[in-house]
Amino acid sequence: QQRLVESGGGVVQAGGSLRLSCAASGSIYSINSMKWYRQVPGRQREMVASVTNDGTTNYASFVEGRFAISRDNIKNMVYLQMNSLKPEDTAVYYCRGDNTVWGSQYDFWGQGTQVTVSS
């Protein structure tokens, strides 16, 4: 099972930018989809963005046009560029990998990184 380690979180003022990174312990070349989720205490974890191994991206409506996800299959890294940040973007951000092997689906998660946007 792969390990994922997120970094890049912190405190930023509204309107600012942050770039989150997710480092995988092994190759992500064949991983079907890499995703970013976020969670606020007391609320369900929600998907923010995803990128497939052919580069297709998908975004939640609340970040469309502000966030950009990318993956580097050589460095085994996934990134989330977050621009025009809002206080409501404050959350713990998690990296997730989704894959299917021999017909069995599985996912694996990182430990999360805190993002705080001050008004």
Protein backbone atom coordinates (compact mmCIF):
# COMPACT_ATOMS: atom_id res chain seq x y z
CA GLN A 1 0.00 0.00 0.00
CA GLN A 2 1.37 3.37 -0.97
CA ARG A 3 1.91 6.18 1.47
CA LEU A 4 0.96 9.76 0.65
CA VAL A 5 2.41 12.77 2.45
CA GLU A 6 0.89 16.22 1.98
CA SER A 7 2.70 19.49 2.54
CA GLY A 8 2.36 23.17 1.75
CA GLY A 9 -0.51 24.11 4.04
CA GLY A 10 -0.43 27.18 6.20
CA VAL A 11 -2.09 30.48 6.99
CA VAL A 12 -2.83 32.93 4.20
CA GLN A 13 -4.94 36.05 3.83
CA ALA A 14 -8.08 36.04 1.73
CA GLY A 15 -7.21 36.56 -1.92
CA GLY A 16 -3.84 34.88 -1.51
CA SER A 17 -2.42 31.67 -2.93
CA LEU A 18 -1.00 28.40 -1.68
CA ARG A 19 0.40 25.37 -3.44
CA LEU A 20 -0.16 22.00 -1.83
CA SER A 21 2.05 19.05 -2.64
CA CYS A 22 1.43 15.34 -2.23
CA ALA A 23 4.40 12.99 -2.31
CA ALA A 24 3.78 9.31 -3.02
CA SER A 25 6.05 6.59 -1.65
CA GLY A 26 5.93 4.71 -4.94
CA SER A 27 5.08 5.16 -8.58
CA ILE A 28 1.79 6.86 -9.40
CA TYR A 29 2.18 6.27 -13.13
CA SER A 30 -0.46 3.55 -13.19
CA ILE A 31 -2.73 5.00 -10.50
CA ASN A 32 -6.07 5.68 -12.19
CA SER A 33 -6.95 8.86 -10.36
CA MET A 34 -5.31 11.18 -7.86
CA LYS A 35 -7.56 13.50 -5.89
CA TRP A 36 -7.62 16.27 -3.34
CA TYR A 37 -10.32 16.31 -0.67
CA ARG A 38 -10.95 18.70 2.18
CA GLN A 39 -12.72 18.48 5.50
CA VAL A 40 -13.98 20.98 8.03
CA PRO A 41 -14.68 19.75 11.59
CA GLY A 42 -18.24 18.52 11.89
CA ARG A 43 -18.71 18.20 8.15
CA GLN A 44 -18.21 15.41 5.64
CA ARG A 45 -15.04 15.21 3.65
CA GLU A 46 -15.64 16.65 0.16
CA MET A 47 -13.79 16.22 -3.11
CA VAL A 48 -12.02 19.30 -4.39
CA ALA A 49 -10.30 18.13 -7.56
CA SER A 50 -9.15 15.03 -9.40
CA VAL A 51 -6.74 14.14 -12.18
CA THR A 52 -6.65 10.85 -14.06
CA ASN A 53 -3.53 9.16 -15.38
CA ASP A 54 -4.29 10.54 -18.85
CA GLY A 55 -4.40 14.07 -17.45
CA THR A 56 -8.16 14.62 -17.38
CA THR A 57 -9.10 16.98 -14.57
CA ASN A 58 -12.32 17.56 -12.70
CA TYR A 59 -13.19 20.23 -10.12
CA ALA A 60 -15.85 20.87 -7.55
CA SER A 61 -17.97 23.86 -8.51
CA PHE A 62 -16.84 25.82 -5.47
CA VAL A 63 -13.19 25.84 -6.64
CA GLU A 64 -13.67 25.89 -10.42
CA GLY A 65 -11.53 28.63 -11.95
CA ARG A 66 -9.52 29.19 -8.75
CA PHE A 67 -7.75 25.87 -8.11
CA ALA A 68 -5.66 23.73 -10.44
CA ILE A 69 -4.64 20.12 -9.91
CA SER A 70 -1.67 18.51 -11.61
CA ARG A 71 0.38 15.35 -11.34
CA ASP A 72 3.99 14.53 -12.14
CA ASN A 73 4.26 10.80 -12.83
CA ILE A 74 8.06 11.01 -12.97
CA LYS A 75 8.48 12.63 -9.57
CA ASN A 76 5.44 10.79 -8.14
CA MET A 77 3.92 14.06 -7.01
CA VAL A 78 0.46 15.60 -7.09
CA TYR A 79 -0.11 19.32 -6.68
CA LEU A 80 -2.99 21.63 -5.92
CA GLN A 81 -2.47 25.27 -6.84
CA MET A 82 -4.98 27.35 -4.91
CA ASN A 83 -5.56 30.97 -5.95
CA SER A 84 -8.03 33.65 -4.85
CA LEU A 85 -8.45 31.86 -1.55
CA LYS A 86 -11.53 32.55 0.55
CA PRO A 87 -12.11 32.08 4.29
CA GLU A 88 -14.51 29.25 3.44
CA ASP A 89 -11.59 27.35 1.89
CA THR A 90 -10.24 26.84 5.41
CA ALA A 91 -10.02 23.08 5.98
CA VAL A 92 -7.70 20.12 6.28
CA TYR A 93 -6.74 19.07 2.76
CA TYR A 94 -6.12 15.41 1.98
CA CYS A 95 -4.53 13.67 -0.95
CA ARG A 96 -6.08 10.43 -2.15
CA GLY A 97 -5.23 7.82 -4.76
CA ASP A 98 -7.85 5.60 -6.43
CA ASN A 99 -6.90 2.52 -8.36
CA THR A 100 -8.24 -0.75 -9.73
CA VAL A 101 -6.08 -3.87 -9.71
CA TRP A 102 -7.38 -7.17 -11.06
CA GLY A 103 -10.92 -5.80 -10.84
CA SER A 104 -10.61 -4.73 -7.20
CA GLN A 105 -10.88 -1.05 -6.36
CA TYR A 106 -8.93 0.47 -3.54
CA ASP A 107 -8.00 3.90 -2.29
CA PHE A 108 -5.27 5.29 -0.09
CA TRP A 109 -4.97 8.58 1.77
CA GLY A 110 -2.47 10.97 3.22
CA GLN A 111 -2.61 12.40 6.72
CA GLY A 112 -3.75 15.87 5.63
CA THR A 113 -2.41 19.41 5.76
CA GLN A 114 -4.17 22.38 7.36
CA VAL A 115 -5.07 25.40 5.26
CA THR A 116 -6.33 28.49 7.07
CA VAL A 117 -7.56 31.53 5.16
CA SER A 118 -7.99 34.66 7.25
CA SER A 119 -10.41 37.43 6.32
